[in-house]
Structures are given as C-alpha cells and as structure tokens.
C-alpha cells in the first residue's frame, strides 16, 4: 500500500513558474515508475513525465524543455518544476506510482493548475 500526497497547485500567469510536490509513503518497491499526468476539461488523462527507480525520464513532447522532474529519495518526494507556463497547461495534475513487477498503480488526489492572465 502506497499513499501519495500532492501540493503546489494554483493560479499562475502565462510565462510564469510553479513547482508541484508529491510525497510518497508506505511500502515503496525497489523497482518502480513515478510520474505526473494531467487531465484538462473534456480531455483524457495524458502523460506529462515519468521517472524510473533507475533515474530514466520520459517527457511528453508538449512539456519537454519547460518541465523538469526531480526526486529526493531521502524524503520519498517527487517534484515537477514547471516554467514558461502556457494556458494549454491548465489541467488537474496527478501524481502516479507504479510497481513495475506486479503492475499495481496508485494515484494522488490531483491538484489544479490554472494558467491565465
């Protein structure tokens, strides 16, 4: 069982920056994938970025060069640093944790990011 607690969402102007945090607790596997997904109104949930337990990252083309995922293993926390934000980045952002071997997936509650002037 894994619990995910997100924070950092809010309202920001176009071109602004925001940092999201996701703190994980519980039974953390040695082999996993963590990441951020987002869902805009009327659209399906989409990948933003993932990071494996080995450190490999995978970014969506729409955010590459603007968003950066990082982690603090001591705190079991993953971050998403977002810069040069655009109105099309507006969505509910979800933190995800997946155990690779068994395929069990966990989701955070979601945090709203709104990019508007």
N, C-alpha and C. Protein backbone atom coordinates (compact mmCIF):
# COMPACT_ATOMS: atom_id res chain seq x y z
N UNK A 1 0.83 -1.20 0.00
CA UNK A 1 0.00 0.00 0.00
C UNK A 1 0.87 1.25 0.00
N UNK A 2 0.57 2.16 -0.91
CA UNK A 2 1.30 3.41 -1.04
C UNK A 2 0.33 4.57 -1.01
N UNK A 3 0.69 5.62 -0.29
CA UNK A 3 -0.11 6.83 -0.24
C UNK A 3 0.67 7.97 -0.87
N UNK A 4 -0.03 8.80 -1.65
CA UNK A 4 0.58 9.92 -2.34
C UNK A 4 -0.12 11.21 -1.93
N UNK A 5 0.66 12.19 -1.51
CA UNK A 5 0.12 13.48 -1.10
C UNK A 5 0.74 14.57 -1.96
N UNK A 6 -0.10 15.28 -2.71
CA UNK A 6 0.36 16.32 -3.62
C UNK A 6 0.16 17.70 -3.03
N UNK A 7 0.97 18.64 -3.52
CA UNK A 7 0.83 20.03 -3.14
C UNK A 7 1.48 20.91 -4.20
N UNK A 8 1.17 22.20 -4.18
CA UNK A 8 1.84 23.15 -5.05
C UNK A 8 1.02 23.73 -6.19
N UNK A 9 -0.18 23.22 -6.40
CA UNK A 9 -1.02 23.74 -7.48
C UNK A 9 -1.51 25.14 -7.17
N UNK A 10 -2.01 25.81 -8.21
CA UNK A 10 -2.52 27.15 -8.02
C UNK A 10 -2.71 27.89 -9.32
N UNK A 11 -2.88 29.20 -9.21
CA UNK A 11 -3.09 30.07 -10.36
C UNK A 11 -1.79 30.80 -10.68
N UNK A 12 -1.43 30.80 -11.96
CA UNK A 12 -0.21 31.47 -12.39
C UNK A 12 -0.44 32.12 -13.75
N UNK A 13 0.25 33.22 -14.02
CA UNK A 13 0.14 33.91 -15.29
C UNK A 13 0.92 33.19 -16.39
N UNK A 14 0.51 33.36 -17.65
CA UNK A 14 1.30 32.79 -18.75
C UNK A 14 2.76 33.25 -18.66
N UNK A 15 3.68 32.31 -18.87
CA UNK A 15 5.09 32.62 -18.75
C UNK A 15 5.64 32.43 -17.35
N UNK A 16 4.76 32.19 -16.40
CA UNK A 16 5.17 32.02 -15.02
C UNK A 16 5.67 30.63 -14.71
N UNK A 17 5.99 30.41 -13.44
CA UNK A 17 6.54 29.13 -12.98
C UNK A 17 5.77 28.61 -11.78
N UNK A 18 5.85 27.30 -11.60
CA UNK A 18 5.18 26.65 -10.49
C UNK A 18 5.90 25.34 -10.20
N UNK A 19 5.94 24.94 -8.94
CA UNK A 19 6.54 23.66 -8.58
C UNK A 19 5.55 22.81 -7.81
N UNK A 20 5.33 21.60 -8.30
CA UNK A 20 4.46 20.64 -7.65
C UNK A 20 5.28 19.63 -6.87
N UNK A 21 4.73 19.16 -5.76
CA UNK A 21 5.39 18.16 -4.93
C UNK A 21 4.48 16.96 -4.74
N UNK A 22 5.07 15.78 -4.65
CA UNK A 22 4.34 14.55 -4.38
C UNK A 22 5.12 13.72 -3.38
N UNK A 23 4.60 13.62 -2.18
CA UNK A 23 5.26 12.85 -1.12
C UNK A 23 4.64 11.46 -1.04
N UNK A 24 5.47 10.44 -1.16
CA UNK A 24 5.02 9.05 -1.11
C UNK A 24 5.35 8.42 0.23
N UNK A 25 4.44 7.59 0.72
CA UNK A 25 4.67 6.87 1.96
C UNK A 25 4.07 5.48 1.84
N UNK A 26 4.51 4.58 2.73
CA UNK A 26 4.03 3.21 2.70
C UNK A 26 5.11 2.25 2.24
N UNK A 27 4.70 1.20 1.56
CA UNK A 27 5.62 0.16 1.10
C UNK A 27 6.14 0.50 -0.29
N UNK A 28 7.31 1.13 -0.33
CA UNK A 28 7.91 1.55 -1.59
C UNK A 28 8.80 0.43 -2.14
N UNK A 29 8.53 0.01 -3.36
CA UNK A 29 9.31 -1.04 -4.01
C UNK A 29 10.66 -0.51 -4.48
N UNK A 30 11.60 -1.42 -4.68
CA UNK A 30 12.90 -1.04 -5.20
C UNK A 30 12.87 -0.84 -6.72
N UNK A 31 11.82 -1.33 -7.36
CA UNK A 31 11.63 -1.18 -8.80
C UNK A 31 10.27 -0.53 -9.05
N UNK A 32 10.28 0.70 -9.51
CA UNK A 32 9.03 1.43 -9.69
C UNK A 32 9.17 2.49 -10.77
N UNK A 33 8.03 3.04 -11.14
CA UNK A 33 7.97 4.20 -12.01
C UNK A 33 7.07 5.23 -11.34
N UNK A 34 7.55 6.44 -11.19
CA UNK A 34 6.73 7.53 -10.69
C UNK A 34 6.61 8.59 -11.76
N UNK A 35 5.54 9.36 -11.69
CA UNK A 35 5.39 10.39 -12.69
C UNK A 35 4.22 11.31 -12.46
N UNK A 36 4.07 12.23 -13.40
CA UNK A 36 2.98 13.19 -13.39
C UNK A 36 2.15 13.03 -14.64
N UNK A 37 0.83 13.07 -14.46
CA UNK A 37 -0.13 13.04 -15.55
C UNK A 37 -1.05 14.24 -15.37
N UNK A 38 -1.76 14.62 -16.42
CA UNK A 38 -2.69 15.73 -16.30
C UNK A 38 -3.94 15.47 -17.12
N UNK A 39 -5.03 16.11 -16.71
CA UNK A 39 -6.29 15.96 -17.40
C UNK A 39 -6.99 17.32 -17.47
N UNK A 40 -7.19 17.80 -18.68
CA UNK A 40 -7.90 19.04 -18.91
C UNK A 40 -9.38 18.74 -19.09
N UNK A 41 -10.26 19.73 -18.86
CA UNK A 41 -11.70 19.51 -19.03
C UNK A 41 -12.05 18.98 -20.42
N UNK A 42 -12.82 17.90 -20.47
CA UNK A 42 -13.24 17.33 -21.73
C UNK A 42 -12.19 16.50 -22.45
N UNK A 43 -11.04 16.31 -21.84
CA UNK A 43 -9.98 15.53 -22.46
C UNK A 43 -9.57 14.35 -21.59
N UNK A 44 -8.93 13.37 -22.20
CA UNK A 44 -8.45 12.21 -21.47
C UNK A 44 -7.16 12.53 -20.73
N UNK A 45 -6.88 11.75 -19.70
CA UNK A 45 -5.66 11.94 -18.95
C UNK A 45 -4.45 11.62 -19.83
N UNK A 46 -3.41 12.45 -19.74
CA UNK A 46 -2.24 12.26 -20.57
C UNK A 46 -0.96 12.30 -19.75
N UNK A 47 0.05 11.65 -20.27
CA UNK A 47 1.37 11.64 -19.64
C UNK A 47 2.00 13.02 -19.70
N UNK A 48 2.60 13.44 -18.60
CA UNK A 48 3.44 14.63 -18.57
C UNK A 48 4.90 14.19 -18.56
N UNK A 49 5.27 13.41 -17.55
CA UNK A 49 6.63 12.88 -17.43
C UNK A 49 6.65 11.73 -16.44
N UNK A 50 7.55 10.77 -16.67
CA UNK A 50 7.78 9.70 -15.71
C UNK A 50 9.27 9.60 -15.38
N UNK A 51 9.56 9.02 -14.23
CA UNK A 51 10.93 8.74 -13.84
C UNK A 51 10.96 7.36 -13.20
N UNK A 52 11.93 6.54 -13.59
CA UNK A 52 12.05 5.19 -13.04
C UNK A 52 12.91 5.20 -11.80
N UNK A 53 12.87 4.09 -11.07
CA UNK A 53 13.72 3.95 -9.89
C UNK A 53 15.20 4.03 -10.27
N UNK A 54 15.52 3.72 -11.53
CA UNK A 54 16.89 3.82 -12.01
C UNK A 54 17.28 5.20 -12.47
N UNK A 55 16.31 6.13 -12.53
CA UNK A 55 16.59 7.51 -12.89
C UNK A 55 16.29 7.90 -14.32
N UNK A 56 15.79 6.98 -15.13
CA UNK A 56 15.44 7.31 -16.52
C UNK A 56 14.17 8.14 -16.57
N UNK A 57 14.13 9.14 -17.44
CA UNK A 57 12.96 10.01 -17.57
C UNK A 57 12.35 9.92 -18.96
N UNK A 58 11.06 10.22 -19.03
CA UNK A 58 10.33 10.21 -20.28
C UNK A 58 9.34 11.38 -20.27
N UNK A 59 9.58 12.38 -21.11
CA UNK A 59 8.76 13.59 -21.16
C UNK A 59 7.84 13.60 -22.36
N UNK A 60 6.64 14.13 -22.17
CA UNK A 60 5.76 14.39 -23.29
C UNK A 60 6.36 15.51 -24.14
N UNK A 61 6.16 15.44 -25.45
CA UNK A 61 6.71 16.46 -26.34
C UNK A 61 6.23 17.86 -25.99
N UNK A 62 5.01 17.97 -25.49
CA UNK A 62 4.42 19.26 -25.20
C UNK A 62 5.07 19.99 -24.02
N UNK A 63 5.80 19.26 -23.18
CA UNK A 63 6.40 19.87 -22.00
C UNK A 63 7.92 19.80 -21.98
N UNK A 64 8.50 19.04 -22.89
CA UNK A 64 9.95 18.88 -22.92
C UNK A 64 10.65 20.23 -23.09
N UNK A 65 11.62 20.49 -22.22
CA UNK A 65 12.33 21.76 -22.25
C UNK A 65 11.75 22.80 -21.33
N UNK A 66 10.53 22.58 -20.85
CA UNK A 66 9.87 23.52 -19.94
C UNK A 66 9.64 22.93 -18.55
N UNK A 67 9.36 21.64 -18.50
CA UNK A 67 9.10 20.96 -17.23
C UNK A 67 10.27 20.06 -16.88
N UNK A 68 10.55 19.94 -15.59
CA UNK A 68 11.62 19.08 -15.12
C UNK A 68 11.16 18.28 -13.91
N UNK A 69 11.34 16.97 -13.97
CA UNK A 69 11.02 16.11 -12.83
C UNK A 69 12.29 15.85 -12.03
N UNK A 70 12.16 15.82 -10.73
CA UNK A 70 13.28 15.52 -9.85
C UNK A 70 12.76 14.78 -8.63
N UNK A 71 13.67 14.22 -7.85
CA UNK A 71 13.24 13.49 -6.66
C UNK A 71 14.23 13.63 -5.53
N UNK A 72 13.72 13.48 -4.33
CA UNK A 72 14.52 13.45 -3.12
C UNK A 72 14.26 12.10 -2.47
N UNK A 73 15.16 11.16 -2.68
CA UNK A 73 14.95 9.79 -2.19
C UNK A 73 14.87 9.73 -0.66
N UNK A 74 15.58 10.61 0.01
CA UNK A 74 15.57 10.62 1.47
C UNK A 74 14.19 10.99 2.00
N UNK A 75 13.50 11.86 1.27
CA UNK A 75 12.17 12.31 1.67
C UNK A 75 11.05 11.56 0.95
N UNK A 76 11.42 10.66 0.03
CA UNK A 76 10.44 9.95 -0.80
C UNK A 76 9.48 10.92 -1.48
N UNK A 77 10.05 11.96 -2.05
CA UNK A 77 9.26 13.01 -2.67
C UNK A 77 9.71 13.25 -4.11
N UNK A 78 8.74 13.41 -5.00
CA UNK A 78 9.00 13.73 -6.39
C UNK A 78 8.47 15.14 -6.66
N UNK A 79 9.21 15.91 -7.46
CA UNK A 79 8.84 17.27 -7.77
C UNK A 79 8.64 17.46 -9.27
N UNK A 80 7.82 18.42 -9.62
CA UNK A 80 7.67 18.82 -11.01
C UNK A 80 7.85 20.32 -11.07
N UNK A 81 9.00 20.76 -11.60
CA UNK A 81 9.26 22.18 -11.79
C UNK A 81 8.77 22.59 -13.17
N UNK A 82 7.85 23.53 -13.21
CA UNK A 82 7.25 23.98 -14.46
C UNK A 82 7.61 25.43 -14.70
N UNK A 83 8.15 25.73 -15.87
CA UNK A 83 8.47 27.09 -16.26
C UNK A 83 7.83 27.40 -17.61
N UNK A 84 7.81 28.69 -17.96
CA UNK A 84 7.22 29.13 -19.23
C UNK A 84 5.84 28.54 -19.45
N UNK A 85 5.01 28.63 -18.43
CA UNK A 85 3.69 28.01 -18.48
C UNK A 85 2.79 28.68 -19.51
N UNK A 86 1.97 27.86 -20.16
CA UNK A 86 1.05 28.30 -21.18
C UNK A 86 -0.39 28.00 -20.75
N UNK A 87 -1.37 28.73 -21.30
CA UNK A 87 -2.77 28.44 -20.96
C UNK A 87 -3.14 26.98 -21.22
N UNK A 88 -2.57 26.36 -22.25
CA UNK A 88 -2.86 24.97 -22.55
C UNK A 88 -2.30 23.99 -21.53
N UNK A 89 -1.50 24.47 -20.59
CA UNK A 89 -1.03 23.63 -19.50
C UNK A 89 -2.06 23.51 -18.39
N UNK A 90 -3.13 24.29 -18.47
CA UNK A 90 -4.18 24.26 -17.47
C UNK A 90 -4.82 22.87 -17.41
N UNK A 91 -4.82 22.28 -16.22
CA UNK A 91 -5.35 20.93 -16.04
C UNK A 91 -5.26 20.55 -14.57
N UNK A 92 -5.88 19.43 -14.24
CA UNK A 92 -5.65 18.80 -12.95
C UNK A 92 -4.44 17.89 -13.11
N UNK A 93 -3.45 18.07 -12.27
CA UNK A 93 -2.23 17.28 -12.34
C UNK A 93 -2.25 16.20 -11.27
N UNK A 94 -1.96 14.97 -11.70
CA UNK A 94 -1.99 13.81 -10.82
C UNK A 94 -0.62 13.18 -10.69
N UNK A 95 -0.25 12.84 -9.47
CA UNK A 95 0.96 12.08 -9.20
C UNK A 95 0.64 10.60 -9.29
N UNK A 96 1.55 9.81 -9.85
CA UNK A 96 1.34 8.38 -10.01
C UNK A 96 2.56 7.58 -9.56
N UNK A 97 2.29 6.44 -8.95
CA UNK A 97 3.32 5.49 -8.55
C UNK A 97 2.92 4.11 -9.04
N UNK A 98 3.83 3.41 -9.74
CA UNK A 98 3.54 2.07 -10.25
C UNK A 98 4.67 1.11 -9.91
N UNK A 99 4.30 -0.02 -9.32
CA UNK A 99 5.25 -1.09 -9.07
C UNK A 99 5.40 -1.88 -10.37
N UNK A 100 6.58 -1.89 -10.93
CA UNK A 100 6.81 -2.47 -12.24
C UNK A 100 6.55 -3.97 -12.29
N UNK A 101 7.02 -4.70 -11.30
CA UNK A 101 6.94 -6.16 -11.32
C UNK A 101 5.49 -6.66 -11.26
N UNK A 102 4.70 -6.12 -10.34
CA UNK A 102 3.32 -6.59 -10.17
C UNK A 102 2.30 -5.72 -10.90
N UNK A 103 2.70 -4.53 -11.31
CA UNK A 103 1.82 -3.67 -12.08
C UNK A 103 0.83 -2.85 -11.28
N UNK A 104 0.91 -2.88 -9.96
CA UNK A 104 0.00 -2.11 -9.13
C UNK A 104 0.27 -0.62 -9.26
N UNK A 105 -0.77 0.15 -9.46
CA UNK A 105 -0.65 1.58 -9.66
C UNK A 105 -1.44 2.36 -8.62
N UNK A 106 -0.87 3.49 -8.16
CA UNK A 106 -1.51 4.35 -7.17
C UNK A 106 -1.52 5.78 -7.69
N UNK A 107 -2.58 6.50 -7.32
CA UNK A 107 -2.74 7.89 -7.76
C UNK A 107 -2.93 8.83 -6.59
N UNK A 108 -2.42 10.05 -6.75
CA UNK A 108 -2.71 11.10 -5.80
C UNK A 108 -4.09 11.67 -6.05
N UNK A 109 -4.50 12.61 -5.23
CA UNK A 109 -5.85 13.17 -5.33
C UNK A 109 -5.99 14.18 -6.46
N UNK A 110 -4.88 14.67 -6.98
CA UNK A 110 -4.89 15.66 -8.04
C UNK A 110 -4.81 17.07 -7.48
N UNK A 111 -4.13 17.95 -8.21
CA UNK A 111 -4.03 19.35 -7.82
C UNK A 111 -4.24 20.22 -9.06
N UNK A 112 -5.05 21.25 -8.91
CA UNK A 112 -5.41 22.10 -10.03
C UNK A 112 -4.32 23.11 -10.35
N UNK A 113 -3.94 23.16 -11.62
CA UNK A 113 -3.03 24.17 -12.13
C UNK A 113 -3.78 24.99 -13.18
N UNK A 114 -3.87 26.29 -12.94
CA UNK A 114 -4.56 27.18 -13.87
C UNK A 114 -3.60 28.25 -14.35
N UNK A 115 -3.44 28.34 -15.67
CA UNK A 115 -2.56 29.33 -16.28
C UNK A 115 -3.43 30.34 -17.01
N UNK A 116 -3.52 31.54 -16.47
CA UNK A 116 -4.40 32.55 -17.03
C UNK A 116 -3.95 33.94 -16.60
N UNK A 117 -4.20 34.93 -17.45
CA UNK A 117 -3.90 36.31 -17.12
C UNK A 117 -5.09 37.00 -16.46
